[in-house]
Protein backbone atom coordinates (compact mmCIF):
# COMPACT_ATOMS: atom_id res chain seq x y z
CA UNK A 1 0.00 0.00 0.00
CA UNK A 2 1.46 3.31 -1.05
CA UNK A 3 0.37 6.69 0.03
CA UNK A 4 0.95 9.70 -2.09
CA UNK A 5 1.36 13.15 -0.68
CA UNK A 6 -0.31 15.92 -2.53
CA UNK A 7 1.46 19.23 -2.26
CA UNK A 8 -0.81 22.21 -1.99
CA UNK A 9 0.84 25.46 -2.95
CA UNK A 10 0.96 27.83 -0.01
CA UNK A 11 0.08 31.46 -0.25
CA UNK A 12 3.09 33.75 -0.22
CA UNK A 13 2.33 37.41 0.04
CA UNK A 14 4.50 39.57 -2.18
CA UNK A 15 6.93 41.67 -0.21
CA UNK A 16 7.56 45.23 -1.33
CA UNK A 17 11.14 46.28 -1.95
CA UNK A 18 10.54 49.11 0.51
CA UNK A 19 9.17 46.95 3.35
CA UNK A 20 11.65 48.54 5.74
CA UNK A 21 10.32 52.08 5.24
CA UNK A 22 7.06 51.51 7.11
CA UNK A 23 8.48 50.78 10.56
CA UNK A 24 10.83 53.24 12.27
CA UNK A 25 13.11 50.61 13.79
CA UNK A 26 13.58 48.86 10.44
CA UNK A 27 14.18 52.19 8.72
CA UNK A 28 16.89 53.18 11.21
CA UNK A 29 18.50 49.76 10.90
CA UNK A 30 18.72 50.01 7.10
CA UNK A 31 19.95 53.61 7.27
CA UNK A 32 22.62 52.59 9.78
CA UNK A 33 23.79 49.80 7.50
CA UNK A 34 23.80 52.20 4.56
CA UNK A 35 25.87 54.64 6.59
CA UNK A 36 28.82 52.24 6.43
CA UNK A 37 29.22 53.19 2.76
CA UNK A 38 29.69 56.81 3.79
CA UNK A 39 32.18 55.81 6.48
CA UNK A 40 34.14 54.09 3.71
CA UNK A 41 33.82 57.23 1.55
CA UNK A 42 35.37 59.35 4.32
CA UNK A 43 38.25 56.89 4.62
CA UNK A 44 38.88 57.15 0.86
CA UNK A 45 38.53 60.95 1.04
CA UNK A 46 41.03 61.11 3.90
CA UNK A 47 43.49 58.95 1.96
CA UNK A 48 43.08 61.22 -1.06
CA UNK A 49 43.78 64.20 1.19
CA UNK A 50 46.90 62.59 2.66
CA UNK A 51 48.17 61.72 -0.83
CA UNK A 52 47.58 65.32 -1.95
CA UNK A 53 49.42 66.75 1.04
CA UNK A 54 52.28 64.33 0.47
CA UNK A 55 52.40 65.17 -3.24
CA UNK A 56 53.37 68.80 -2.78
CA UNK A 57 51.71 72.17 -3.15
CA UNK A 58 50.48 71.60 -6.71
CA UNK A 59 48.64 68.36 -5.89
CA UNK A 60 47.28 69.89 -2.68
CA UNK A 61 45.87 72.89 -4.57
CA UNK A 62 44.33 70.57 -7.16
CA UNK A 63 42.73 68.55 -4.34
CA UNK A 64 41.31 71.70 -2.75
CA UNK A 65 39.86 72.80 -6.10
CA UNK A 66 38.23 69.40 -6.59
CA UNK A 67 37.03 69.29 -2.98
CA UNK A 68 35.32 72.67 -3.31
CA UNK A 69 33.19 71.56 -6.26
CA UNK A 70 29.43 71.41 -5.63
CA UNK A 71 29.37 67.62 -6.13
CA UNK A 72 32.00 67.02 -3.44
CA UNK A 73 30.32 69.48 -1.08
CA UNK A 74 26.94 67.75 -1.41
CA UNK A 75 28.41 64.24 -1.10
CA UNK A 76 30.40 65.26 1.97
CA UNK A 77 27.38 66.95 3.58
CA UNK A 78 25.26 63.82 3.07
CA UNK A 79 28.16 61.67 4.29
CA UNK A 80 28.47 63.81 7.43
CA UNK A 81 24.76 63.35 8.19
CA UNK A 82 25.12 59.59 7.79
CA UNK A 83 28.24 59.58 9.97
CA UNK A 84 26.37 61.38 12.73
CA UNK A 85 23.60 58.75 12.47
CA UNK A 86 26.23 55.98 12.49
CA UNK A 87 27.89 57.42 15.59
CA UNK A 88 24.65 57.90 17.52
CA UNK A 89 23.34 54.41 16.72
CA UNK A 90 26.74 52.81 17.42
CA UNK A 91 26.97 54.49 20.81
CA UNK A 92 23.39 53.47 21.60
CA UNK A 93 24.11 49.81 20.74
CA UNK A 94 27.30 49.54 22.78
CA UNK A 95 25.64 48.65 26.13
CA UNK A 96 23.93 45.65 24.49
CA UNK A 97 27.15 44.47 22.86
CA UNK A 98 29.47 45.08 25.82
CA UNK A 99 28.55 44.17 29.35
CA UNK A 100 30.81 46.01 31.76
CA UNK A 101 31.08 44.88 35.37
CA UNK A 102 32.74 47.05 37.97
CA UNK A 103 33.12 45.80 41.52
CA UNK A 104 30.78 42.88 40.87
CA UNK A 105 27.99 45.14 39.62
CA UNK A 106 26.90 45.80 36.09
CA UNK A 107 27.57 49.33 34.88
CA UNK A 108 24.34 50.92 33.64
CA UNK A 109 24.12 51.35 29.89
CA UNK A 110 23.48 55.07 30.26
CA UNK A 111 26.92 55.51 31.85
CA UNK A 112 28.62 53.58 29.05
CA UNK A 113 26.94 55.75 26.42
CA UNK A 114 27.71 58.94 28.37
CA UNK A 115 31.38 57.93 28.66
CA UNK A 116 31.54 57.51 24.89
CA UNK A 117 30.12 60.99 24.30
CA UNK A 118 32.56 62.48 26.82
CA UNK A 119 35.41 60.71 25.00
CA UNK A 120 34.14 61.96 21.64
CA UNK A 121 33.95 65.52 22.98
CA UNK A 122 37.46 65.29 24.46
CA UNK A 123 39.01 63.96 21.25
CA UNK A 124 37.12 66.55 19.17
CA UNK A 125 38.30 69.36 21.46
CA UNK A 126 41.89 68.13 21.23
CA UNK A 127 41.75 67.97 17.41
CA UNK A 128 40.18 71.45 17.33
CA UNK A 129 42.96 72.75 19.56
CA UNK A 130 45.61 71.01 17.45
CA UNK A 131 44.31 72.27 14.10
CA UNK A 132 42.85 75.68 14.89
CA UNK A 133 44.41 77.03 18.07
CA UNK A 134 47.95 75.63 18.03
C-alpha atoms as a PDB file:
ATOM      1  CA  UNK A   1       0.000   0.000   0.000  1.00  0.00           C
ATOM      2  CA  UNK A   2       1.458   3.309  -1.051  1.00  0.00           C
ATOM      3  CA  UNK A   3       0.372   6.692   0.035  1.00  0.00           C
ATOM      4  CA  UNK A   4       0.953   9.696  -2.091  1.00  0.00           C
ATOM      5  CA  UNK A   5       1.364  13.147  -0.685  1.00  0.00           C
ATOM      6  CA  UNK A   6      -0.306  15.924  -2.534  1.00  0.00           C
ATOM      7  CA  UNK A   7       1.456  19.229  -2.261  1.00  0.00           C
ATOM      8  CA  UNK A   8      -0.813  22.214  -1.993  1.00  0.00           C
ATOM      9  CA  UNK A   9       0.844  25.457  -2.948  1.00  0.00           C
ATOM     10  CA  UNK A  10       0.955  27.833  -0.006  1.00  0.00           C
ATOM     11  CA  UNK A  11       0.080  31.462  -0.248  1.00  0.00           C
ATOM     12  CA  UNK A  12       3.087  33.755  -0.216  1.00  0.00           C
ATOM     13  CA  UNK A  13       2.328  37.410   0.041  1.00  0.00           C
ATOM     14  CA  UNK A  14       4.497  39.575  -2.182  1.00  0.00           C
ATOM     15  CA  UNK A  15       6.935  41.674  -0.209  1.00  0.00           C
ATOM     16  CA  UNK A  16       7.563  45.228  -1.334  1.00  0.00           C
ATOM     17  CA  UNK A  17      11.143  46.280  -1.946  1.00  0.00           C
ATOM     18  CA  UNK A  18      10.542  49.108   0.511  1.00  0.00           C
ATOM     19  CA  UNK A  19       9.168  46.949   3.348  1.00  0.00           C
ATOM     20  CA  UNK A  20      11.650  48.544   5.740  1.00  0.00           C
ATOM     21  CA  UNK A  21      10.320  52.085   5.241  1.00  0.00           C
ATOM     22  CA  UNK A  22       7.058  51.513   7.111  1.00  0.00           C
ATOM     23  CA  UNK A  23       8.482  50.783  10.561  1.00  0.00           C
ATOM     24  CA  UNK A  24      10.825  53.241  12.269  1.00  0.00           C
ATOM     25  CA  UNK A  25      13.114  50.609  13.787  1.00  0.00           C
ATOM     26  CA  UNK A  26      13.583  48.856  10.438  1.00  0.00           C
ATOM     27  CA  UNK A  27      14.175  52.193   8.719  1.00  0.00           C
ATOM     28  CA  UNK A  28      16.888  53.178  11.207  1.00  0.00           C
ATOM     29  CA  UNK A  29      18.499  49.759  10.896  1.00  0.00           C
ATOM     30  CA  UNK A  30      18.723  50.010   7.103  1.00  0.00           C
ATOM     31  CA  UNK A  31      19.952  53.614   7.273  1.00  0.00           C
ATOM     32  CA  UNK A  32      22.619  52.588   9.779  1.00  0.00           C
ATOM     33  CA  UNK A  33      23.787  49.796   7.499  1.00  0.00           C
ATOM     34  CA  UNK A  34      23.803  52.201   4.556  1.00  0.00           C
ATOM     35  CA  UNK A  35      25.874  54.638   6.590  1.00  0.00           C
ATOM     36  CA  UNK A  36      28.823  52.244   6.434  1.00  0.00           C
ATOM     37  CA  UNK A  37      29.218  53.189   2.761  1.00  0.00           C
ATOM     38  CA  UNK A  38      29.692  56.810   3.793  1.00  0.00           C
ATOM     39  CA  UNK A  39      32.179  55.808   6.479  1.00  0.00           C
ATOM     40  CA  UNK A  40      34.139  54.085   3.706  1.00  0.00           C
ATOM     41  CA  UNK A  41      33.819  57.232   1.555  1.00  0.00           C
ATOM     42  CA  UNK A  42      35.369  59.350   4.324  1.00  0.00           C
ATOM     43  CA  UNK A  43      38.245  56.889   4.622  1.00  0.00           C
ATOM     44  CA  UNK A  44      38.878  57.151   0.860  1.00  0.00           C
ATOM     45  CA  UNK A  45      38.532  60.946   1.037  1.00  0.00           C
ATOM     46  CA  UNK A  46      41.034  61.111   3.903  1.00  0.00           C
ATOM     47  CA  UNK A  47      43.487  58.946   1.963  1.00  0.00           C
ATOM     48  CA  UNK A  48      43.084  61.220  -1.064  1.00  0.00           C
ATOM     49  CA  UNK A  49      43.779  64.203   1.193  1.00  0.00           C
ATOM     50  CA  UNK A  50      46.900  62.592   2.660  1.00  0.00           C
ATOM     51  CA  UNK A  51      48.167  61.720  -0.828  1.00  0.00           C
ATOM     52  CA  UNK A  52      47.575  65.322  -1.949  1.00  0.00           C
ATOM     53  CA  UNK A  53      49.416  66.754   1.044  1.00  0.00           C
ATOM     54  CA  UNK A  54      52.278  64.328   0.475  1.00  0.00           C
ATOM     55  CA  UNK A  55      52.399  65.175  -3.243  1.00  0.00           C
ATOM     56  CA  UNK A  56      53.367  68.795  -2.780  1.00  0.00           C
ATOM     57  CA  UNK A  57      51.710  72.173  -3.154  1.00  0.00           C
ATOM     58  CA  UNK A  58      50.476  71.601  -6.708  1.00  0.00           C
ATOM     59  CA  UNK A  59      48.638  68.365  -5.888  1.00  0.00           C
ATOM     60  CA  UNK A  60      47.276  69.889  -2.684  1.00  0.00           C
ATOM     61  CA  UNK A  61      45.875  72.892  -4.569  1.00  0.00           C
ATOM     62  CA  UNK A  62      44.331  70.567  -7.156  1.00  0.00           C
ATOM     63  CA  UNK A  63      42.728  68.545  -4.339  1.00  0.00           C
ATOM     64  CA  UNK A  64      41.307  71.701  -2.750  1.00  0.00           C
ATOM     65  CA  UNK A  65      39.864  72.799  -6.104  1.00  0.00           C
ATOM     66  CA  UNK A  66      38.234  69.403  -6.594  1.00  0.00           C
ATOM     67  CA  UNK A  67      37.027  69.293  -2.981  1.00  0.00           C
ATOM     68  CA  UNK A  68      35.319  72.672  -3.312  1.00  0.00           C
ATOM     69  CA  UNK A  69      33.191  71.563  -6.258  1.00  0.00           C
ATOM     70  CA  UNK A  70      29.428  71.407  -5.632  1.00  0.00           C
ATOM     71  CA  UNK A  71      29.374  67.623  -6.127  1.00  0.00           C
ATOM     72  CA  UNK A  72      32.001  67.022  -3.438  1.00  0.00           C
ATOM     73  CA  UNK A  73      30.315  69.475  -1.076  1.00  0.00           C
ATOM     74  CA  UNK A  74      26.939  67.745  -1.412  1.00  0.00           C
ATOM     75  CA  UNK A  75      28.413  64.244  -1.104  1.00  0.00           C
ATOM     76  CA  UNK A  76      30.395  65.258   1.974  1.00  0.00           C
ATOM     77  CA  UNK A  77      27.384  66.954   3.578  1.00  0.00           C
ATOM     78  CA  UNK A  78      25.264  63.818   3.074  1.00  0.00           C
ATOM     79  CA  UNK A  79      28.157  61.673   4.294  1.00  0.00           C
ATOM     80  CA  UNK A  80      28.470  63.810   7.428  1.00  0.00           C
ATOM     81  CA  UNK A  81      24.761  63.351   8.192  1.00  0.00           C
ATOM     82  CA  UNK A  82      25.115  59.588   7.794  1.00  0.00           C
ATOM     83  CA  UNK A  83      28.244  59.580   9.968  1.00  0.00           C
ATOM     84  CA  UNK A  84      26.367  61.379  12.733  1.00  0.00           C
ATOM     85  CA  UNK A  85      23.602  58.748  12.467  1.00  0.00           C
ATOM     86  CA  UNK A  86      26.226  55.984  12.487  1.00  0.00           C
ATOM     87  CA  UNK A  87      27.894  57.419  15.592  1.00  0.00           C
ATOM     88  CA  UNK A  88      24.648  57.897  17.517  1.00  0.00           C
ATOM     89  CA  UNK A  89      23.345  54.414  16.724  1.00  0.00           C
ATOM     90  CA  UNK A  90      26.742  52.811  17.417  1.00  0.00           C
ATOM     91  CA  UNK A  91      26.969  54.491  20.810  1.00  0.00           C
ATOM     92  CA  UNK A  92      23.388  53.465  21.604  1.00  0.00           C
ATOM     93  CA  UNK A  93      24.107  49.810  20.739  1.00  0.00           C
ATOM     94  CA  UNK A  94      27.295  49.539  22.780  1.00  0.00           C
ATOM     95  CA  UNK A  95      25.640  48.654  26.133  1.00  0.00           C
ATOM     96  CA  UNK A  96      23.926  45.653  24.492  1.00  0.00           C
ATOM     97  CA  UNK A  97      27.153  44.466  22.862  1.00  0.00           C
ATOM     98  CA  UNK A  98      29.471  45.082  25.817  1.00  0.00           C
ATOM     99  CA  UNK A  99      28.554  44.165  29.352  1.00  0.00           C
ATOM    100  CA  UNK A 100      30.812  46.009  31.761  1.00  0.00           C
ATOM    101  CA  UNK A 101      31.083  44.877  35.368  1.00  0.00           C
ATOM    102  CA  UNK A 102      32.741  47.055  37.969  1.00  0.00           C
ATOM    103  CA  UNK A 103      33.116  45.805  41.524  1.00  0.00           C
ATOM    104  CA  UNK A 104      30.779  42.883  40.871  1.00  0.00           C
ATOM    105  CA  UNK A 105      27.987  45.143  39.621  1.00  0.00           C
ATOM    106  CA  UNK A 106      26.900  45.801  36.089  1.00  0.00           C
ATOM    107  CA  UNK A 107      27.570  49.332  34.882  1.00  0.00           C
ATOM    108  CA  UNK A 108      24.339  50.923  33.636  1.00  0.00           C
ATOM    109  CA  UNK A 109      24.117  51.354  29.888  1.00  0.00           C
ATOM    110  CA  UNK A 110      23.483  55.070  30.256  1.00  0.00           C
ATOM    111  CA  UNK A 111      26.923  55.506  31.852  1.00  0.00           C
ATOM    112  CA  UNK A 112      28.621  53.579  29.046  1.00  0.00           C
ATOM    113  CA  UNK A 113      26.943  55.752  26.420  1.00  0.00           C
ATOM    114  CA  UNK A 114      27.706  58.938  28.369  1.00  0.00           C
ATOM    115  CA  UNK A 115      31.381  57.933  28.664  1.00  0.00           C
ATOM    116  CA  UNK A 116      31.541  57.510  24.894  1.00  0.00           C
ATOM    117  CA  UNK A 117      30.116  60.988  24.299  1.00  0.00           C
ATOM    118  CA  UNK A 118      32.562  62.476  26.823  1.00  0.00           C
ATOM    119  CA  UNK A 119      35.413  60.710  25.001  1.00  0.00           C
ATOM    120  CA  UNK A 120      34.137  61.960  21.643  1.00  0.00           C
ATOM    121  CA  UNK A 121      33.950  65.525  22.982  1.00  0.00           C
ATOM    122  CA  UNK A 122      37.462  65.290  24.460  1.00  0.00           C
ATOM    123  CA  UNK A 123      39.012  63.960  21.255  1.00  0.00           C
ATOM    124  CA  UNK A 124      37.123  66.550  19.175  1.00  0.00           C
ATOM    125  CA  UNK A 125      38.297  69.361  21.463  1.00  0.00           C
ATOM    126  CA  UNK A 126      41.891  68.126  21.227  1.00  0.00           C
ATOM    127  CA  UNK A 127      41.752  67.974  17.413  1.00  0.00           C
ATOM    128  CA  UNK A 128      40.183  71.448  17.326  1.00  0.00           C
ATOM    129  CA  UNK A 129      42.963  72.752  19.561  1.00  0.00           C
ATOM    130  CA  UNK A 130      45.607  71.010  17.453  1.00  0.00           C
ATOM    131  CA  UNK A 131      44.310  72.265  14.099  1.00  0.00           C
ATOM    132  CA  UNK A 132      42.845  75.677  14.891  1.00  0.00           C
ATOM    133  CA  UNK A 133      44.414  77.031  18.073  1.00  0.00           C
ATOM    134  CA  UNK A 134      47.955  75.629  18.034  1.00  0.00           C
END
